[in-house]
Full PDB file with SEQRES, HELIX, SHEET, SSBOND, CRYST1, ORIGX, SCALE, CONECT and MASTER records, all heavy atoms in Angstrom:
SEQRES   1 A   31  ARG ARG LEU ILE GLU ILE ALA LEU ASP ALA THR ARG ALA          
SEQRES   2 A   31  ALA LEU ASP ASP VAL SER LEU ASP ASP LEU ALA THR ARG          
SEQRES   3 A   31  PRO ASN CYS PRO ASP                                          
HELIX    1 AA1 ARG A    2  ASP A   16  1                                  15    
HELIX    2 AA2 LEU A   23  THR A   25  5                                   3    
CRYST1    1.000    1.000    1.000  90.00  90.00  90.00 P 1           1          
ORIGX1      1.000000  0.000000  0.000000        0.00000                         
ORIGX2      0.000000  1.000000  0.000000        0.00000                         
ORIGX3      0.000000  0.000000  1.000000        0.00000                         
SCALE1      1.000000  0.000000  0.000000        0.00000                         
SCALE2      0.000000  1.000000  0.000000        0.00000                         
SCALE3      0.000000  0.000000  1.000000        0.00000                         
ATOM      1  N   ARG A   1     -48.627 -38.430  -2.185  1.00  0.00           N  
ATOM      2  CA  ARG A   1     -47.973 -38.439  -3.485  1.00  0.00           C  
ATOM      3  C   ARG A   1     -47.008 -37.260  -3.626  1.00  0.00           C  
ATOM      4  O   ARG A   1     -45.914 -37.395  -4.191  1.00  0.00           O  
ATOM      5  CB  ARG A   1     -49.015 -38.405  -4.599  1.00  0.00           C  
ATOM      6  CG  ARG A   1     -48.405 -38.491  -6.004  1.00  0.00           C  
ATOM      7  CD  ARG A   1     -49.454 -38.431  -7.095  1.00  0.00           C  
ATOM      8  NE  ARG A   1     -48.836 -38.565  -8.400  1.00  0.00           N  
ATOM      9  CZ  ARG A   1     -48.636 -39.731  -9.022  1.00  0.00           C  
ATOM     10  NH1 ARG A   1     -49.042 -40.858  -8.439  1.00  0.00           N  
ATOM     11  NH2 ARG A   1     -48.061 -39.770 -10.210  1.00  0.00           N  
ATOM     12  N   ARG A   2     -47.416 -36.087  -3.138  1.00  0.00           N  
ATOM     13  CA  ARG A   2     -46.551 -34.906  -3.254  1.00  0.00           C  
ATOM     14  C   ARG A   2     -45.184 -35.156  -2.642  1.00  0.00           C  
ATOM     15  O   ARG A   2     -44.148 -34.813  -3.228  1.00  0.00           O  
ATOM     16  CB  ARG A   2     -47.210 -33.703  -2.580  1.00  0.00           C  
ATOM     17  CG  ARG A   2     -46.343 -32.440  -2.632  1.00  0.00           C  
ATOM     18  CD  ARG A   2     -46.874 -31.331  -1.763  1.00  0.00           C  
ATOM     19  NE  ARG A   2     -46.033 -30.146  -1.829  1.00  0.00           N  
ATOM     20  CZ  ARG A   2     -45.753 -29.367  -0.798  1.00  0.00           C  
ATOM     21  NH1 ARG A   2     -46.271 -29.637   0.406  1.00  0.00           N  
ATOM     22  NH2 ARG A   2     -44.964 -28.312  -0.936  1.00  0.00           N  
ATOM     23  N   LEU A   3     -45.148 -35.744  -1.456  1.00  0.00           N  
ATOM     24  CA  LEU A   3     -43.886 -35.977  -0.764  1.00  0.00           C  
ATOM     25  C   LEU A   3     -43.020 -36.976  -1.530  1.00  0.00           C  
ATOM     26  O   LEU A   3     -41.803 -36.800  -1.663  1.00  0.00           O  
ATOM     27  CB  LEU A   3     -44.171 -36.490   0.648  1.00  0.00           C  
ATOM     28  CG  LEU A   3     -43.124 -36.183   1.730  1.00  0.00           C  
ATOM     29  CD1 LEU A   3     -42.890 -34.688   1.851  1.00  0.00           C  
ATOM     30  CD2 LEU A   3     -43.566 -36.766   3.062  1.00  0.00           C  
ATOM     31  N   ILE A   4     -43.652 -38.013  -2.058  1.00  0.00           N  
ATOM     32  CA  ILE A   4     -42.907 -39.024  -2.818  1.00  0.00           C  
ATOM     33  C   ILE A   4     -42.340 -38.428  -4.103  1.00  0.00           C  
ATOM     34  O   ILE A   4     -41.177 -38.671  -4.460  1.00  0.00           O  
ATOM     35  CB  ILE A   4     -43.808 -40.233  -3.114  1.00  0.00           C  
ATOM     36  CG1 ILE A   4     -44.207 -40.931  -1.811  1.00  0.00           C  
ATOM     37  CG2 ILE A   4     -43.103 -41.218  -4.043  1.00  0.00           C  
ATOM     38  CD1 ILE A   4     -45.250 -42.006  -1.976  1.00  0.00           C  
ATOM     39  N   GLU A   5     -43.135 -37.626  -4.792  1.00  0.00           N  
ATOM     40  CA  GLU A   5     -42.660 -37.024  -6.036  1.00  0.00           C  
ATOM     41  C   GLU A   5     -41.517 -36.047  -5.781  1.00  0.00           C  
ATOM     42  O   GLU A   5     -40.552 -35.981  -6.554  1.00  0.00           O  
ATOM     43  CB  GLU A   5     -43.808 -36.326  -6.755  1.00  0.00           C  
ATOM     44  CG  GLU A   5     -44.811 -37.307  -7.360  1.00  0.00           C  
ATOM     45  CD  GLU A   5     -45.909 -36.617  -8.147  1.00  0.00           C  
ATOM     46  OE1 GLU A   5     -46.084 -35.391  -7.955  1.00  0.00           O  
ATOM     47  OE2 GLU A   5     -46.584 -37.285  -8.952  1.00  0.00           O  
ATOM     48  N   ILE A   6     -41.612 -35.272  -4.710  1.00  0.00           N  
ATOM     49  CA  ILE A   6     -40.526 -34.358  -4.361  1.00  0.00           C  
ATOM     50  C   ILE A   6     -39.246 -35.138  -4.080  1.00  0.00           C  
ATOM     51  O   ILE A   6     -38.157 -34.765  -4.541  1.00  0.00           O  
ATOM     52  CB  ILE A   6     -40.910 -33.500  -3.137  1.00  0.00           C  
ATOM     53  CG1 ILE A   6     -41.960 -32.459  -3.529  1.00  0.00           C  
ATOM     54  CG2 ILE A   6     -39.686 -32.806  -2.539  1.00  0.00           C  
ATOM     55  CD1 ILE A   6     -42.550 -31.707  -2.361  1.00  0.00           C  
ATOM     56  N   ALA A   7     -39.382 -36.236  -3.354  1.00  0.00           N  
ATOM     57  CA  ALA A   7     -38.215 -37.060  -3.030  1.00  0.00           C  
ATOM     58  C   ALA A   7     -37.578 -37.625  -4.301  1.00  0.00           C  
ATOM     59  O   ALA A   7     -36.346 -37.614  -4.456  1.00  0.00           O  
ATOM     60  CB  ALA A   7     -38.618 -38.190  -2.088  1.00  0.00           C  
ATOM     61  N   LEU A   8     -38.399 -38.131  -5.207  1.00  0.00           N  
ATOM     62  CA  LEU A   8     -37.879 -38.684  -6.464  1.00  0.00           C  
ATOM     63  C   LEU A   8     -37.188 -37.613  -7.308  1.00  0.00           C  
ATOM     64  O   LEU A   8     -36.086 -37.825  -7.830  1.00  0.00           O  
ATOM     65  CB  LEU A   8     -39.023 -39.326  -7.253  1.00  0.00           C  
ATOM     66  CG  LEU A   8     -39.635 -40.601  -6.662  1.00  0.00           C  
ATOM     67  CD1 LEU A   8     -40.888 -40.985  -7.443  1.00  0.00           C  
ATOM     68  CD2 LEU A   8     -38.631 -41.746  -6.687  1.00  0.00           C  
ATOM     69  N   ASP A   9     -37.831 -36.455  -7.419  1.00  0.00           N  
ATOM     70  CA  ASP A   9     -37.267 -35.378  -8.235  1.00  0.00           C  
ATOM     71  C   ASP A   9     -35.968 -34.844  -7.622  1.00  0.00           C  
ATOM     72  O   ASP A   9     -35.002 -34.548  -8.337  1.00  0.00           O  
ATOM     73  CB  ASP A   9     -38.272 -34.237  -8.387  1.00  0.00           C  
ATOM     74  CG  ASP A   9     -39.475 -34.621  -9.240  1.00  0.00           C  
ATOM     75  OD1 ASP A   9     -39.381 -35.638  -9.968  1.00  0.00           O  
ATOM     76  OD2 ASP A   9     -40.501 -33.919  -9.169  1.00  0.00           O  
ATOM     77  N   ALA A  10     -35.944 -34.725  -6.291  1.00  0.00           N  
ATOM     78  CA  ALA A  10     -34.751 -34.212  -5.622  1.00  0.00           C  
ATOM     79  C   ALA A  10     -33.590 -35.188  -5.726  1.00  0.00           C  
ATOM     80  O   ALA A  10     -32.429 -34.775  -5.882  1.00  0.00           O  
ATOM     81  CB  ALA A  10     -35.063 -33.918  -4.156  1.00  0.00           C  
ATOM     82  N   THR A  11     -33.883 -36.469  -5.655  1.00  0.00           N  
ATOM     83  CA  THR A  11     -32.835 -37.479  -5.792  1.00  0.00           C  
ATOM     84  C   THR A  11     -32.246 -37.446  -7.193  1.00  0.00           C  
ATOM     85  O   THR A  11     -31.022 -37.525  -7.377  1.00  0.00           O  
ATOM     86  CB  THR A  11     -33.395 -38.873  -5.482  1.00  0.00           C  
ATOM     87  OG1 THR A  11     -33.919 -38.889  -4.152  1.00  0.00           O  
ATOM     88  CG2 THR A  11     -32.314 -39.930  -5.581  1.00  0.00           C  
ATOM     89  N   ARG A  12     -33.096 -37.311  -8.192  1.00  0.00           N  
ATOM     90  CA  ARG A  12     -32.621 -37.211  -9.567  1.00  0.00           C  
ATOM     91  C   ARG A  12     -31.788 -35.942  -9.758  1.00  0.00           C  
ATOM     92  O   ARG A  12     -30.747 -35.954 -10.420  1.00  0.00           O  
ATOM     93  CB  ARG A  12     -33.810 -37.221 -10.528  1.00  0.00           C  
ATOM     94  CG  ARG A  12     -33.452 -36.995 -11.992  1.00  0.00           C  
ATOM     95  CD  ARG A  12     -32.531 -38.064 -12.527  1.00  0.00           C  
ATOM     96  NE  ARG A  12     -33.192 -39.364 -12.593  1.00  0.00           N  
ATOM     97  CZ  ARG A  12     -32.593 -40.470 -13.031  1.00  0.00           C  
ATOM     98  NH1 ARG A  12     -31.321 -40.418 -13.419  1.00  0.00           N  
ATOM     99  NH2 ARG A  12     -33.248 -41.623 -13.056  1.00  0.00           N  
ATOM    100  N   ALA A  13     -32.239 -34.831  -9.183  1.00  0.00           N  
ATOM    101  CA  ALA A  13     -31.482 -33.585  -9.290  1.00  0.00           C  
ATOM    102  C   ALA A  13     -30.125 -33.708  -8.608  1.00  0.00           C  
ATOM    103  O   ALA A  13     -29.112 -33.218  -9.116  1.00  0.00           O  
ATOM    104  CB  ALA A  13     -32.279 -32.437  -8.680  1.00  0.00           C  
ATOM    105  N   ALA A  14     -30.097 -34.369  -7.452  1.00  0.00           N  
ATOM    106  CA  ALA A  14     -28.829 -34.571  -6.747  1.00  0.00           C  
ATOM    107  C   ALA A  14     -27.864 -35.389  -7.584  1.00  0.00           C  
ATOM    108  O   ALA A  14     -26.647 -35.149  -7.584  1.00  0.00           O  
ATOM    109  CB  ALA A  14     -29.085 -35.262  -5.409  1.00  0.00           C  
ATOM    110  N   LEU A  15     -28.402 -36.340  -8.320  1.00  0.00           N  
ATOM    111  CA  LEU A  15     -27.580 -37.217  -9.155  1.00  0.00           C  
ATOM    112  C   LEU A  15     -27.042 -36.509 -10.392  1.00  0.00           C  
ATOM    113  O   LEU A  15     -25.873 -36.676 -10.762  1.00  0.00           O  
ATOM    114  CB  LEU A  15     -28.404 -38.437  -9.566  1.00  0.00           C  
ATOM    115  CG  LEU A  15     -27.713 -39.515 -10.392  1.00  0.00           C  
ATOM    116  CD1 LEU A  15     -26.587 -40.170  -9.591  1.00  0.00           C  
ATOM    117  CD2 LEU A  15     -28.724 -40.566 -10.840  1.00  0.00           C  
ATOM    118  N   ASP A  16     -27.889 -35.691 -11.018  1.00  0.00           N  
ATOM    119  CA  ASP A  16     -27.550 -35.135 -12.330  1.00  0.00           C  
ATOM    120  C   ASP A  16     -27.113 -33.668 -12.323  1.00  0.00           C  
ATOM    121  O   ASP A  16     -26.364 -33.246 -13.204  1.00  0.00           O  
ATOM    122  CB  ASP A  16     -28.748 -35.259 -13.276  1.00  0.00           C  
ATOM    123  CG  ASP A  16     -29.067 -36.709 -13.622  1.00  0.00           C  
ATOM    124  OD1 ASP A  16     -28.163 -37.547 -13.530  1.00  0.00           O  
ATOM    125  OD2 ASP A  16     -30.230 -36.983 -13.978  1.00  0.00           O  
ATOM    126  N   ASP A  17     -27.591 -32.891 -11.352  1.00  0.00           N  
ATOM    127  CA  ASP A  17     -27.470 -31.443 -11.465  1.00  0.00           C  
ATOM    128  C   ASP A  17     -26.723 -30.762 -10.319  1.00  0.00           C  
ATOM    129  O   ASP A  17     -26.663 -29.531 -10.277  1.00  0.00           O  
ATOM    130  CB  ASP A  17     -28.872 -30.811 -11.565  1.00  0.00           C  
ATOM    131  CG  ASP A  17     -29.688 -31.391 -12.706  1.00  0.00           C  
ATOM    132  OD1 ASP A  17     -29.104 -31.613 -13.780  1.00  0.00           O  
ATOM    133  OD2 ASP A  17     -30.898 -31.633 -12.510  1.00  0.00           O  
ATOM    134  N   VAL A  18     -26.173 -31.532  -9.408  1.00  0.00           N  
ATOM    135  CA  VAL A  18     -25.543 -30.936  -8.224  1.00  0.00           C  
ATOM    136  C   VAL A  18     -24.047 -31.221  -8.208  1.00  0.00           C  
ATOM    137  O   VAL A  18     -23.626 -32.373  -8.332  1.00  0.00           O  
ATOM    138  CB  VAL A  18     -26.179 -31.474  -6.923  1.00  0.00           C  
ATOM    139  CG1 VAL A  18     -25.383 -31.005  -5.709  1.00  0.00           C  
ATOM    140  CG2 VAL A  18     -27.626 -31.017  -6.813  1.00  0.00           C  
ATOM    141  N   SER A  19     -23.279 -30.168  -8.062  1.00  0.00           N  
ATOM    142  CA  SER A  19     -21.841 -30.290  -7.807  1.00  0.00           C  
ATOM    143  C   SER A  19     -21.504 -29.435  -6.591  1.00  0.00           C  
ATOM    144  O   SER A  19     -21.915 -28.267  -6.505  1.00  0.00           O  
ATOM    145  CB  SER A  19     -21.020 -29.834  -9.008  1.00  0.00           C  
ATOM    146  OG  SER A  19     -19.638 -29.815  -8.679  1.00  0.00           O  
ATOM    147  N   LEU A  20     -20.763 -30.013  -5.675  1.00  0.00           N  
ATOM    148  CA  LEU A  20     -20.322 -29.297  -4.480  1.00  0.00           C  
ATOM    149  C   LEU A  20     -18.815 -29.074  -4.492  1.00  0.00           C  
ATOM    150  O   LEU A  20     -18.222 -28.706  -3.472  1.00  0.00           O  
ATOM    151  CB  LEU A  20     -20.717 -30.080  -3.223  1.00  0.00           C  
ATOM    152  CG  LEU A  20     -22.207 -30.389  -3.045  1.00  0.00           C  
ATOM    153  CD1 LEU A  20     -22.417 -31.231  -1.792  1.00  0.00           C  
ATOM    154  CD2 LEU A  20     -23.026 -29.109  -2.972  1.00  0.00           C  
ATOM    155  N   ASP A  21     -18.200 -29.276  -5.648  1.00  0.00           N  
ATOM    156  CA  ASP A  21     -16.739 -29.242  -5.724  1.00  0.00           C  
ATOM    157  C   ASP A  21     -16.170 -27.892  -5.310  1.00  0.00           C  
ATOM    158  O   ASP A  21     -15.111 -27.819  -4.677  1.00  0.00           O  
ATOM    159  CB  ASP A  21     -16.278 -29.587  -7.143  1.00  0.00           C  
ATOM    160  CG  ASP A  21     -16.546 -31.044  -7.500  1.00  0.00           C  
ATOM    161  OD1 ASP A  21     -16.833 -31.834  -6.582  1.00  0.00           O  
ATOM    162  OD2 ASP A  21     -16.473 -31.389  -8.702  1.00  0.00           O  
ATOM    163  N   ASP A  22     -16.837 -26.809  -5.677  1.00  0.00           N  
ATOM    164  CA  ASP A  22     -16.328 -25.483  -5.315  1.00  0.00           C  
ATOM    165  C   ASP A  22     -16.389 -25.260  -3.808  1.00  0.00           C  
ATOM    166  O   ASP A  22     -15.463 -24.707  -3.209  1.00  0.00           O  
ATOM    167  CB  ASP A  22     -17.098 -24.395  -6.055  1.00  0.00           C  
ATOM    168  CG  ASP A  22     -18.599 -24.456  -5.805  1.00  0.00           C  
ATOM    169  OD1 ASP A  22     -19.121 -25.563  -5.539  1.00  0.00           O  
ATOM    170  OD2 ASP A  22     -19.258 -23.396  -5.881  1.00  0.00           O  
ATOM    171  N   LEU A  23     -17.473 -25.703  -3.185  1.00  0.00           N  
ATOM    172  CA  LEU A  23     -17.599 -25.555  -1.730  1.00  0.00           C  
ATOM    173  C   LEU A  23     -16.601 -26.436  -0.991  1.00  0.00           C  
ATOM    174  O   LEU A  23     -16.136 -26.087   0.102  1.00  0.00           O  
ATOM    175  CB  LEU A  23     -19.017 -25.892  -1.280  1.00  0.00           C  
ATOM    176  CG  LEU A  23     -20.145 -25.016  -1.846  1.00  0.00           C  
ATOM    177  CD1 LEU A  23     -21.495 -25.496  -1.321  1.00  0.00           C  
ATOM    178  CD2 LEU A  23     -19.927 -23.545  -1.485  1.00  0.00           C  
ATOM    179  N   ALA A  24     -16.261 -27.561  -1.583  1.00  0.00           N  
ATOM    180  CA  ALA A  24     -15.355 -28.512  -0.936  1.00  0.00           C  
ATOM    181  C   ALA A  24     -13.936 -27.979  -0.818  1.00  0.00           C  
ATOM    182  O   ALA A  24     -13.124 -28.541  -0.071  1.00  0.00           O  
ATOM    183  CB  ALA A  24     -15.348 -29.835  -1.695  1.00  0.00           C  
ATOM    184  N   THR A  25     -13.606 -26.905  -1.542  1.00  0.00           N  
ATOM    185  CA  THR A  25     -12.257 -26.327  -1.463  1.00  0.00           C  
ATOM    186  C   THR A  25     -12.111 -25.359  -0.295  1.00  0.00           C  
ATOM    187  O   THR A  25     -11.012 -24.854  -0.049  1.00  0.00           O  
ATOM    188  CB  THR A  25     -11.917 -25.586  -2.770  1.00  0.00           C  
ATOM    189  OG1 THR A  25     -12.807 -24.472  -2.945  1.00  0.00           O  
ATOM    190  CG2 THR A  25     -12.035 -26.525  -3.968  1.00  0.00           C  
ATOM    191  N   ARG A  26     -13.177 -25.096   0.420  1.00  0.00           N  
ATOM    192  CA  ARG A  26     -13.098 -24.165   1.540  1.00  0.00           C  
ATOM    193  C   ARG A  26     -12.217 -24.726   2.667  1.00  0.00           C  
ATOM    194  O   ARG A  26     -12.223 -25.941   2.913  1.00  0.00           O  
ATOM    195  CB  ARG A  26     -14.496 -23.880   2.105  1.00  0.00           C  
ATOM    196  CG  ARG A  26     -15.375 -23.046   1.194  1.00  0.00           C  
ATOM    197  CD  ARG A  26     -16.674 -22.694   1.877  1.00  0.00           C  
ATOM    198  NE  ARG A  26     -17.457 -21.781   1.062  1.00  0.00           N  
ATOM    199  CZ  ARG A  26     -18.102 -20.714   1.534  1.00  0.00           C  
ATOM    200  NH1 ARG A  26     -18.060 -20.443   2.837  1.00  0.00           N  
ATOM    201  NH2 ARG A  26     -18.767 -19.926   0.733  1.00  0.00           N  
ATOM    202  N   PRO A  27     -11.493 -23.838   3.357  1.00  0.00           N  
ATOM    203  CA  PRO A  27     -10.752 -24.289   4.535  1.00  0.00           C  
ATOM    204  C   PRO A  27     -11.691 -24.952   5.542  1.00  0.00           C  
ATOM    205  O   PRO A  27     -12.833 -24.516   5.724  1.00  0.00           O  
ATOM    206  CB  PRO A  27     -10.166 -22.986   5.099  1.00  0.00           C  
ATOM    207  CG  PRO A  27     -10.088 -22.063   3.922  1.00  0.00           C  
ATOM    208  CD  PRO A  27     -11.282 -22.403   3.070  1.00  0.00           C  
ATOM    209  N   ASN A  28     -11.226 -25.997   6.160  1.00  0.00           N  
ATOM    210  CA  ASN A  28     -11.957 -26.765   7.177  1.00  0.00           C  
ATOM    211  C   ASN A  28     -13.023 -27.690   6.602  1.00  0.00           C  
ATOM    212  O   ASN A  28     -13.671 -28.425   7.362  1.00  0.00           O  
ATOM    213  CB  ASN A  28     -12.631 -25.854   8.216  1.00  0.00           C  
ATOM    214  CG  ASN A  28     -11.648 -25.056   9.037  1.00  0.00           C  
ATOM    215  OD1 ASN A  28     -10.544 -25.524   9.317  1.00  0.00           O  
ATOM    216  ND2 ASN A  28     -12.031 -23.853   9.416  1.00  0.00           N  
ATOM    217  N   CYS A  29     -13.259 -27.663   5.298  1.00  0.00           N  
ATOM    218  CA  CYS A  29     -14.285 -28.536   4.737  1.00  0.00           C  
ATOM    219  C   CYS A  29     -13.837 -29.995   4.855  1.00  0.00           C  
ATOM    220  O   CYS A  29     -12.760 -30.363   4.368  1.00  0.00           O  
ATOM    221  CB  CYS A  29     -14.555 -28.192   3.285  1.00  0.00           C  
ATOM    222  SG  CYS A  29     -16.012 -29.032   2.617  1.00  0.00           S  
ATOM    223  N   PRO A  30     -14.637 -30.854   5.484  1.00  0.00           N  
ATOM    224  CA  PRO A  30     -14.228 -32.250   5.694  1.00  0.00           C  
ATOM    225  C   PRO A  30     -14.323 -33.074   4.412  1.00  0.00           C  
ATOM    226  O   PRO A  30     -15.070 -32.741   3.487  1.00  0.00           O  
ATOM    227  CB  PRO A  30     -15.233 -32.748   6.737  1.00  0.00           C  
ATOM    228  CG  PRO A  30     -16.446 -31.900   6.518  1.00  0.00           C  
ATOM    229  CD  PRO A  30     -15.941 -30.551   6.101  1.00  0.00           C  
ATOM    230  N   ASP A  31     -13.573 -34.156   4.376  1.00  0.00           N  
ATOM    231  CA  ASP A  31     -13.552 -35.020   3.194  1.00  0.00           C  
ATOM    232  C   ASP A  31     -14.923 -35.621   2.894  1.00  0.00           C  
ATOM    233  O   ASP A  31     -15.242 -35.879   1.733  1.00  0.00           O  
ATOM    234  CB  ASP A  31     -12.533 -36.150   3.386  1.00  0.00           C  
ATOM    235  CG  ASP A  31     -11.103 -35.634   3.418  1.00  0.00           C  
ATOM    236  OD1 ASP A  31     -10.866 -34.517   2.931  1.00  0.00           O  
ATOM    237  OD2 ASP A  31     -10.228 -36.345   3.951  1.00  0.00           O  
TER     238      ASP A  31                                                      
MASTER        0    0    0    2    0    0    0    6  237    1    0    3          
END                                                                             
């Protein structure tokens, strides 16, 4: 159960709380 709950919570966080836009402006950062 622990692994499943972590996966669910992390997926939700990735959807709602994560932005990589600042890192994407770095030189050499791929599309």
